[in-house]
Structures are given as structure tokens and as C-alpha cells.
């Protein structure tokens, strides 16, 4: 399973990078875009959305780091690798979708990169085993742990 674990961790790291970049673009845009004589960043609803996005990105980053550290130490943990892949790619999909939403209509155009990040995030949920397969692997490991 070592090759699969390595792939899952790698895809997880790519997911974190994708989500981080989408968050960066959304925050930057919200600081530049003015509505009602103020930056849209000042709207509480967008602040809450971006705070959630940042929290999920950081949680995903830490899970990927945990999986990578155990792999590098020679003690790969298949369950954590699956969790890292699943969590970070689901986060990438959510964060990129929210980034498109923050940018509004232009977020869906090629004028801004977030539309591409959203497409990339979807592919990440599929490669190296779909996220549904990751859930099956995680659930089987849980069963083994508690059947003892």
C-alpha cells in the first residue's frame, strides 16, 4: 500500500495548494472590489465565508503533514493517508466553489484563475481513488480497530 499512500498524500498536498491559492485570490479580490463605497471584504457574510475557508485549508494542511511525516518516518498510516486525500480534496472543492461565489460573475470567467482551480479540485476528488473509495478504506480500518 506504500505506493498508494504516497499518491494519496501527494494528491492531498496538491489539494491544499489549490485551496490555498483559491482563498488567496478570493481575499485579494474582496479587498479590491468596492460595493456601497467600501471593500466587499468588510461584509460580515464574506468574512465568515473566508474565515471558514481559511480554517478548512489549515485543517487539511495539518492532516496532509501528519500523513507525510508518518510516511517519511517509515511508518505509513493508510487510514491517515486516505483521510488526508479525502479531506484536502473535498476542502479544495468547497473552497474553490466559495472563491467563485465571492468573485461573483467574473469568478466563472477565464479572467480570473478561480474557475480553473474549481475544475482542478473536482479532478483531485477522483484521481488516486475516488473520495468514496477513501471512505470505504477508512471504514474498513475502523471496523478492524473496533472488532478486536
N, C-alpha and C. Protein backbone atom coordinates (compact mmCIF):
# COMPACT_ATOMS: atom_id res chain seq x y z
N UNK A 1 0.81 -1.21 0.00
CA UNK A 1 0.00 0.00 0.00
C UNK A 1 0.85 1.27 0.00
N UNK A 2 2.15 1.11 0.10
CA UNK A 2 3.03 2.27 0.20
C UNK A 2 2.92 3.20 -1.00
N UNK A 3 2.85 2.64 -2.20
CA UNK A 3 2.72 3.48 -3.40
C UNK A 3 1.39 4.22 -3.40
N UNK A 4 0.34 3.55 -2.99
CA UNK A 4 -0.97 4.21 -2.91
C UNK A 4 -0.95 5.31 -1.86
N UNK A 5 -0.33 5.02 -0.72
CA UNK A 5 -0.25 6.04 0.33
C UNK A 5 0.51 7.27 -0.17
N UNK A 6 1.61 7.04 -0.87
CA UNK A 6 2.40 8.15 -1.40
C UNK A 6 1.54 8.99 -2.36
N UNK A 7 0.80 8.33 -3.23
CA UNK A 7 -0.07 9.03 -4.17
C UNK A 7 -1.17 9.81 -3.49
N UNK A 8 -1.75 9.21 -2.47
CA UNK A 8 -2.82 9.89 -1.73
C UNK A 8 -2.29 11.13 -1.03
N UNK A 9 -1.13 11.01 -0.44
CA UNK A 9 -0.52 12.16 0.24
C UNK A 9 -0.19 13.26 -0.77
N UNK A 10 0.34 12.86 -1.90
CA UNK A 10 0.69 13.83 -2.95
C UNK A 10 -0.55 14.57 -3.44
N UNK A 11 -1.61 13.85 -3.74
CA UNK A 11 -2.85 14.48 -4.20
C UNK A 11 -3.41 15.37 -3.09
N UNK A 12 -3.30 14.91 -1.85
CA UNK A 12 -3.74 15.74 -0.73
C UNK A 12 -3.00 17.06 -0.67
N UNK A 13 -1.69 17.01 -0.87
CA UNK A 13 -0.89 18.24 -0.86
C UNK A 13 -1.27 19.16 -2.02
N UNK A 14 -1.53 18.58 -3.17
CA UNK A 14 -1.97 19.39 -4.31
C UNK A 14 -3.31 20.04 -4.00
N UNK A 15 -4.20 19.29 -3.34
CA UNK A 15 -5.50 19.84 -2.94
C UNK A 15 -5.35 21.03 -2.00
N UNK A 16 -4.43 20.91 -1.06
CA UNK A 16 -4.18 22.02 -0.13
C UNK A 16 -3.68 23.24 -0.90
N UNK A 17 -2.76 23.03 -1.81
CA UNK A 17 -2.25 24.14 -2.61
C UNK A 17 -3.31 24.80 -3.45
N UNK A 18 -4.16 23.99 -4.04
CA UNK A 18 -5.27 24.50 -4.86
C UNK A 18 -6.22 25.35 -4.01
N UNK A 19 -6.58 24.82 -2.85
CA UNK A 19 -7.49 25.54 -1.95
C UNK A 19 -6.86 26.83 -1.44
N UNK A 20 -5.58 26.77 -1.08
CA UNK A 20 -4.89 27.96 -0.57
C UNK A 20 -4.86 29.05 -1.63
N UNK A 21 -4.54 28.66 -2.85
CA UNK A 21 -4.46 29.66 -3.93
C UNK A 21 -5.84 30.27 -4.19
N UNK A 22 -6.90 29.46 -4.15
CA UNK A 22 -8.25 29.99 -4.35
C UNK A 22 -8.62 30.96 -3.23
N UNK A 23 -8.26 30.61 -2.00
CA UNK A 23 -8.50 31.51 -0.87
C UNK A 23 -7.74 32.82 -1.06
N UNK A 24 -6.48 32.72 -1.46
CA UNK A 24 -5.67 33.92 -1.69
C UNK A 24 -6.33 34.84 -2.72
N UNK A 25 -6.79 34.25 -3.81
CA UNK A 25 -7.44 35.04 -4.86
C UNK A 25 -8.73 35.68 -4.37
N UNK A 26 -9.51 34.94 -3.58
CA UNK A 26 -10.78 35.47 -3.08
C UNK A 26 -10.56 36.63 -2.12
N UNK A 27 -9.59 36.49 -1.22
CA UNK A 27 -9.30 37.58 -0.27
C UNK A 27 -8.79 38.80 -1.02
N UNK A 28 -7.86 38.57 -1.93
CA UNK A 28 -7.30 39.68 -2.72
C UNK A 28 -8.42 40.42 -3.47
N UNK A 29 -9.29 39.68 -4.11
CA UNK A 29 -10.39 40.29 -4.86
C UNK A 29 -11.32 41.07 -3.92
N UNK A 30 -11.61 40.48 -2.76
CA UNK A 30 -12.53 41.13 -1.82
C UNK A 30 -11.96 42.44 -1.27
N UNK A 31 -10.64 42.56 -1.28
CA UNK A 31 -10.00 43.80 -0.84
C UNK A 31 -9.97 44.86 -1.95
N UNK A 32 -10.06 44.41 -3.19
CA UNK A 32 -10.03 45.34 -4.33
C UNK A 32 -11.43 45.77 -4.77
N UNK A 33 -12.39 44.87 -4.67
CA UNK A 33 -13.75 45.13 -5.17
C UNK A 33 -14.50 46.02 -4.20
N UNK A 34 -15.07 47.08 -4.73
CA UNK A 34 -15.84 48.03 -3.90
C UNK A 34 -17.32 47.89 -4.23
N UNK A 35 -18.13 47.96 -3.20
CA UNK A 35 -19.58 47.96 -3.32
C UNK A 35 -20.11 48.84 -2.18
N UNK A 36 -21.02 49.71 -2.48
CA UNK A 36 -21.56 50.62 -1.46
C UNK A 36 -20.45 51.42 -0.77
N UNK A 37 -19.49 51.87 -1.56
CA UNK A 37 -18.37 52.70 -1.10
C UNK A 37 -17.45 52.02 -0.09
N UNK A 38 -17.35 50.70 -0.16
CA UNK A 38 -16.43 50.00 0.73
C UNK A 38 -15.98 48.69 0.08
N UNK A 39 -14.88 48.17 0.59
CA UNK A 39 -14.39 46.87 0.12
C UNK A 39 -15.42 45.81 0.48
N UNK A 40 -15.65 44.86 -0.42
CA UNK A 40 -16.61 43.80 -0.08
C UNK A 40 -16.07 42.92 1.05
N UNK A 41 -14.76 42.99 1.29
CA UNK A 41 -14.18 42.28 2.43
C UNK A 41 -14.87 42.67 3.73
N UNK A 42 -15.37 43.88 3.83
CA UNK A 42 -15.99 44.37 5.06
C UNK A 42 -17.36 43.76 5.33
N UNK A 43 -17.93 43.07 4.36
CA UNK A 43 -19.25 42.46 4.57
C UNK A 43 -19.10 41.22 5.44
N UNK A 44 -19.84 41.19 6.52
CA UNK A 44 -19.67 40.12 7.51
C UNK A 44 -19.90 38.73 6.92
N UNK A 45 -20.86 38.60 6.03
CA UNK A 45 -21.12 37.30 5.41
C UNK A 45 -19.90 36.77 4.67
N UNK A 46 -19.21 37.66 3.96
CA UNK A 46 -18.00 37.24 3.26
C UNK A 46 -16.86 36.97 4.23
N UNK A 47 -16.79 37.73 5.31
CA UNK A 47 -15.76 37.48 6.32
C UNK A 47 -15.95 36.09 6.93
N UNK A 48 -17.19 35.74 7.24
CA UNK A 48 -17.47 34.41 7.80
C UNK A 48 -17.07 33.33 6.80
N UNK A 49 -17.42 33.54 5.53
CA UNK A 49 -17.10 32.56 4.49
C UNK A 49 -15.59 32.38 4.38
N UNK A 50 -14.86 33.48 4.34
CA UNK A 50 -13.40 33.39 4.20
C UNK A 50 -12.74 32.82 5.45
N UNK A 51 -13.28 33.10 6.61
CA UNK A 51 -12.75 32.51 7.84
C UNK A 51 -12.93 30.99 7.82
N UNK A 52 -14.09 30.53 7.38
CA UNK A 52 -14.33 29.09 7.25
C UNK A 52 -13.38 28.47 6.23
N UNK A 53 -13.20 29.16 5.11
CA UNK A 53 -12.30 28.67 4.08
C UNK A 53 -10.88 28.51 4.64
N UNK A 54 -10.40 29.54 5.33
CA UNK A 54 -9.04 29.51 5.89
C UNK A 54 -8.88 28.39 6.92
N UNK A 55 -9.91 28.19 7.74
CA UNK A 55 -9.86 27.14 8.76
C UNK A 55 -9.79 25.76 8.13
N UNK A 56 -10.60 25.53 7.11
CA UNK A 56 -10.60 24.23 6.43
C UNK A 56 -9.28 23.98 5.70
N UNK A 57 -8.72 25.01 5.10
CA UNK A 57 -7.42 24.85 4.43
C UNK A 57 -6.35 24.46 5.44
N UNK A 58 -6.33 25.13 6.58
CA UNK A 58 -5.32 24.82 7.60
C UNK A 58 -5.51 23.41 8.17
N UNK A 59 -6.76 23.02 8.42
CA UNK A 59 -7.02 21.66 8.92
C UNK A 59 -6.55 20.62 7.91
N UNK A 60 -6.81 20.87 6.65
CA UNK A 60 -6.37 19.94 5.60
C UNK A 60 -4.85 19.89 5.53
N UNK A 61 -4.22 21.04 5.61
CA UNK A 61 -2.75 21.11 5.58
C UNK A 61 -2.15 20.27 6.71
N UNK A 62 -2.69 20.40 7.90
CA UNK A 62 -2.16 19.65 9.04
C UNK A 62 -2.37 18.15 8.89
N UNK A 63 -3.48 17.74 8.32
CA UNK A 63 -3.74 16.31 8.10
C UNK A 63 -2.77 15.75 7.06
N UNK A 64 -2.54 16.50 6.00
CA UNK A 64 -1.57 16.06 4.99
C UNK A 64 -0.17 15.98 5.60
N UNK A 65 0.20 16.97 6.40
CA UNK A 65 1.52 16.94 7.05
C UNK A 65 1.66 15.74 7.97
N UNK A 66 0.61 15.41 8.69
CA UNK A 66 0.63 14.24 9.57
C UNK A 66 0.86 12.96 8.76
N UNK A 67 0.14 12.82 7.67
CA UNK A 67 0.30 11.64 6.81
C UNK A 67 1.71 11.59 6.22
N UNK A 68 2.21 12.73 5.78
CA UNK A 68 3.55 12.78 5.17
C UNK A 68 4.64 12.46 6.19
N UNK A 69 4.50 12.97 7.40
CA UNK A 69 5.50 12.71 8.44
C UNK A 69 5.58 11.23 8.77
N UNK A 70 4.43 10.57 8.91
CA UNK A 70 4.46 9.14 9.22
C UNK A 70 5.03 8.35 8.04
N UNK A 71 4.72 8.77 6.83
CA UNK A 71 5.26 8.10 5.64
C UNK A 71 6.78 8.27 5.60
N UNK A 72 7.25 9.49 5.80
CA UNK A 72 8.70 9.77 5.77
C UNK A 72 9.45 9.05 6.89
N UNK A 73 8.78 8.82 8.01
CA UNK A 73 9.40 8.13 9.14
C UNK A 73 9.45 6.62 8.93
N UNK A 74 8.88 6.15 7.81
CA UNK A 74 8.87 4.72 7.53
C UNK A 74 7.74 3.97 8.19
N UNK A 75 6.78 4.70 8.72
CA UNK A 75 5.61 4.08 9.34
C UNK A 75 4.34 4.63 8.71
N UNK A 76 4.15 4.35 7.41
CA UNK A 76 2.98 4.91 6.73
C UNK A 76 1.68 4.45 7.38
N UNK A 77 0.73 5.35 7.45
CA UNK A 77 -0.57 5.06 8.03
C UNK A 77 -1.61 5.20 6.92
N UNK A 78 -2.08 4.06 6.42
CA UNK A 78 -3.01 4.06 5.30
C UNK A 78 -4.27 4.86 5.60
N UNK A 79 -4.78 4.72 6.79
CA UNK A 79 -6.02 5.42 7.15
C UNK A 79 -5.82 6.93 7.10
N UNK A 80 -4.74 7.41 7.68
CA UNK A 80 -4.48 8.85 7.69
C UNK A 80 -4.20 9.36 6.28
N UNK A 81 -3.52 8.56 5.46
CA UNK A 81 -3.28 8.95 4.07
C UNK A 81 -4.61 9.10 3.33
N UNK A 82 -5.52 8.16 3.54
CA UNK A 82 -6.85 8.24 2.92
C UNK A 82 -7.61 9.46 3.43
N UNK A 83 -7.55 9.68 4.73
CA UNK A 83 -8.23 10.85 5.31
C UNK A 83 -7.67 12.15 4.74
N UNK A 84 -6.34 12.21 4.61
CA UNK A 84 -5.69 13.42 4.09
C UNK A 84 -6.12 13.69 2.66
N UNK A 85 -6.14 12.65 1.84
CA UNK A 85 -6.54 12.81 0.44
C UNK A 85 -7.99 13.26 0.37
N UNK A 86 -8.86 12.58 1.09
CA UNK A 86 -10.29 12.89 1.05
C UNK A 86 -10.58 14.28 1.60
N UNK A 87 -10.05 14.59 2.76
CA UNK A 87 -10.33 15.89 3.39
C UNK A 87 -9.80 17.04 2.56
N UNK A 88 -8.57 16.93 2.10
CA UNK A 88 -7.98 18.06 1.39
C UNK A 88 -8.61 18.29 0.03
N UNK A 89 -9.01 17.22 -0.65
CA UNK A 89 -9.64 17.42 -1.96
C UNK A 89 -11.09 17.88 -1.82
N UNK A 90 -11.78 17.41 -0.79
CA UNK A 90 -13.13 17.94 -0.53
C UNK A 90 -13.03 19.42 -0.13
N UNK A 91 -12.04 19.74 0.67
CA UNK A 91 -11.81 21.14 1.04
C UNK A 91 -11.50 21.98 -0.20
N UNK A 92 -10.66 21.46 -1.07
CA UNK A 92 -10.33 22.19 -2.30
C UNK A 92 -11.59 22.47 -3.12
N UNK A 93 -12.47 21.49 -3.22
CA UNK A 93 -13.71 21.68 -3.99
C UNK A 93 -14.58 22.75 -3.34
N UNK A 94 -14.73 22.70 -2.02
CA UNK A 94 -15.57 23.67 -1.31
C UNK A 94 -14.96 25.07 -1.37
N UNK A 95 -13.68 25.17 -1.11
CA UNK A 95 -13.02 26.48 -1.09
C UNK A 95 -13.02 27.11 -2.48
N UNK A 96 -12.75 26.32 -3.50
CA UNK A 96 -12.75 26.90 -4.86
C UNK A 96 -14.15 27.33 -5.27
N UNK A 97 -15.15 26.56 -4.90
CA UNK A 97 -16.54 26.94 -5.20
C UNK A 97 -16.89 28.23 -4.47
N UNK A 98 -16.49 28.34 -3.21
CA UNK A 98 -16.74 29.57 -2.46
C UNK A 98 -15.98 30.76 -3.05
N UNK A 99 -14.77 30.51 -3.54
CA UNK A 99 -13.99 31.58 -4.16
C UNK A 99 -14.70 32.10 -5.40
N UNK A 100 -15.23 31.19 -6.21
CA UNK A 100 -16.00 31.61 -7.39
C UNK A 100 -17.19 32.45 -6.94
N UNK A 101 -17.85 32.03 -5.88
CA UNK A 101 -19.01 32.76 -5.36
C UNK A 101 -18.61 34.17 -4.90
N UNK A 102 -17.50 34.29 -4.23
CA UNK A 102 -17.04 35.60 -3.74
C UNK A 102 -16.74 36.53 -4.91
N UNK A 103 -16.17 35.99 -5.97
CA UNK A 103 -15.87 36.80 -7.14
C UNK A 103 -17.12 37.12 -7.97
N UNK A 104 -18.19 36.42 -7.70
CA UNK A 104 -19.43 36.67 -8.44
C UNK A 104 -19.32 36.20 -9.88
N UNK A 105 -19.96 36.91 -10.77
CA UNK A 105 -20.00 36.52 -12.18
C UNK A 105 -18.64 36.38 -12.82
N UNK A 106 -17.69 37.25 -12.45
CA UNK A 106 -16.36 37.16 -13.05
C UNK A 106 -15.58 35.95 -12.55
N UNK A 107 -16.00 35.38 -11.44
CA UNK A 107 -15.33 34.21 -10.91
C UNK A 107 -15.49 32.99 -11.79
N UNK A 108 -16.48 33.01 -12.64
CA UNK A 108 -16.76 31.89 -13.53
C UNK A 108 -16.13 32.09 -14.90
N UNK A 109 -15.47 33.22 -15.09
CA UNK A 109 -14.84 33.51 -16.38
C UNK A 109 -13.35 33.21 -16.31
N UNK A 110 -12.73 33.16 -17.47
CA UNK A 110 -11.29 32.90 -17.52
C UNK A 110 -10.46 34.13 -17.19
N UNK A 111 -11.14 35.23 -16.89
CA UNK A 111 -10.45 36.45 -16.49
C UNK A 111 -9.72 36.25 -15.15
N UNK A 112 -10.25 35.38 -14.31
CA UNK A 112 -9.66 35.07 -13.01
C UNK A 112 -9.39 33.57 -12.93
N UNK A 113 -8.34 33.15 -12.22
CA UNK A 113 -7.96 31.73 -12.22
C UNK A 113 -8.85 30.83 -11.36
N UNK A 114 -9.75 31.38 -10.57
CA UNK A 114 -10.50 30.52 -9.65
C UNK A 114 -11.40 29.52 -10.38
N UNK A 115 -11.85 29.85 -11.59
CA UNK A 115 -12.68 28.89 -12.33
C UNK A 115 -11.85 27.64 -12.67
N UNK A 116 -10.58 27.82 -12.99
CA UNK A 116 -9.71 26.68 -13.28
C UNK A 116 -9.42 25.89 -12.01
N UNK A 117 -9.22 26.60 -10.91
CA UNK A 117 -8.97 25.91 -9.64
C UNK A 117 -10.16 25.02 -9.28
N UNK A 118 -11.37 25.50 -9.56
CA UNK A 118 -12.56 24.71 -9.26
C UNK A 118 -12.58 23.43 -10.10
N UNK A 119 -12.24 23.54 -11.37
CA UNK A 119 -12.19 22.35 -12.23
C UNK A 119 -11.09 21.40 -11.77
N UNK A 120 -9.94 21.95 -11.42
CA UNK A 120 -8.83 21.13 -10.93
C UNK A 120 -9.23 20.39 -9.65
N UNK A 121 -9.93 21.09 -8.76
CA UNK A 121 -10.34 20.48 -7.49
C UNK A 121 -11.24 19.28 -7.72
N UNK A 122 -12.11 19.36 -8.70
CA UNK A 122 -13.01 18.24 -8.98
C UNK A 122 -12.22 17.01 -9.40
N UNK A 123 -11.22 17.21 -10.26
CA UNK A 123 -10.40 16.09 -10.70
C UNK A 123 -9.65 15.46 -9.53
N UNK A 124 -9.19 16.30 -8.60
CA UNK A 124 -8.46 15.79 -7.44
C UNK A 124 -9.31 14.87 -6.58
N UNK A 125 -10.62 15.07 -6.57
CA UNK A 125 -11.51 14.18 -5.81
C UNK A 125 -11.61 12.80 -6.45
N UNK A 126 -11.17 12.69 -7.69
CA UNK A 126 -11.33 11.44 -8.44
C UNK A 126 -10.03 10.64 -8.54
N UNK A 127 -8.90 11.32 -8.82
CA UNK A 127 -7.64 10.60 -9.04
C UNK A 127 -7.11 9.96 -7.76
N UNK A 128 -6.28 8.93 -7.93
CA UNK A 128 -5.72 8.16 -6.81
C UNK A 128 -6.81 7.52 -5.95
N UNK A 129 -7.91 7.16 -6.57
CA UNK A 129 -9.04 6.56 -5.87
C UNK A 129 -10.03 7.64 -5.48
N UNK A 130 -11.26 7.47 -5.91
CA UNK A 130 -12.28 8.48 -5.60
C UNK A 130 -12.42 8.66 -4.09
N UNK A 131 -12.97 9.77 -3.71
CA UNK A 131 -13.15 10.01 -2.27
C UNK A 131 -14.12 9.02 -1.65
N UNK A 132 -15.02 8.47 -2.44
CA UNK A 132 -15.91 7.43 -1.92
C UNK A 132 -15.10 6.17 -1.60
N UNK A 133 -14.12 5.85 -2.43
CA UNK A 133 -13.25 4.71 -2.15
C UNK A 133 -12.43 4.97 -0.89
N UNK A 134 -11.97 6.20 -0.70
CA UNK A 134 -11.23 6.53 0.51
C UNK A 134 -12.09 6.27 1.75
N UNK A 135 -13.37 6.61 1.65
CA UNK A 135 -14.28 6.37 2.78
C UNK A 135 -14.43 4.89 3.07
N UNK A 136 -14.47 4.07 2.02
CA UNK A 136 -14.56 2.61 2.20
C UNK A 136 -13.32 2.11 2.94
N UNK A 137 -12.14 2.56 2.52
CA UNK A 137 -10.89 2.13 3.16
C UNK A 137 -10.87 2.58 4.62
N UNK A 138 -11.25 3.80 4.88
CA UNK A 138 -11.28 4.32 6.25
C UNK A 138 -12.25 3.52 7.11
N UNK A 139 -13.42 3.26 6.58
CA UNK A 139 -14.43 2.49 7.33
C UNK A 139 -13.94 1.08 7.63
N UNK A 140 -13.29 0.44 6.68
CA UNK A 140 -12.76 -0.91 6.92
C UNK A 140 -11.71 -0.90 8.02
N UNK A 141 -10.88 0.13 8.04
CA UNK A 141 -9.87 0.24 9.10
C UNK A 141 -10.53 0.46 10.47
N UNK A 142 -11.60 1.24 10.48
CA UNK A 142 -12.34 1.44 11.73
C UNK A 142 -12.92 0.11 12.23
N UNK A 143 -13.46 -0.66 11.30
CA UNK A 143 -14.05 -1.95 11.67
C UNK A 143 -12.98 -2.85 12.28
N UNK A 144 -11.81 -2.93 11.64
CA UNK A 144 -10.71 -3.74 12.17
C UNK A 144 -10.31 -3.28 13.57
N UNK A 145 -10.25 -1.98 13.76
CA UNK A 145 -9.84 -1.43 15.05
C UNK A 145 -10.81 -1.80 16.17
N UNK A 146 -12.10 -1.77 15.89
CA UNK A 146 -13.09 -1.97 16.94
C UNK A 146 -13.59 -3.40 17.05
N UNK A 147 -13.26 -4.26 16.09
CA UNK A 147 -13.67 -5.66 16.17
C UNK A 147 -12.80 -6.46 17.12
N UNK A 148 -11.66 -5.97 17.44
CA UNK A 148 -10.69 -6.72 18.26
C UNK A 148 -11.22 -7.11 19.58
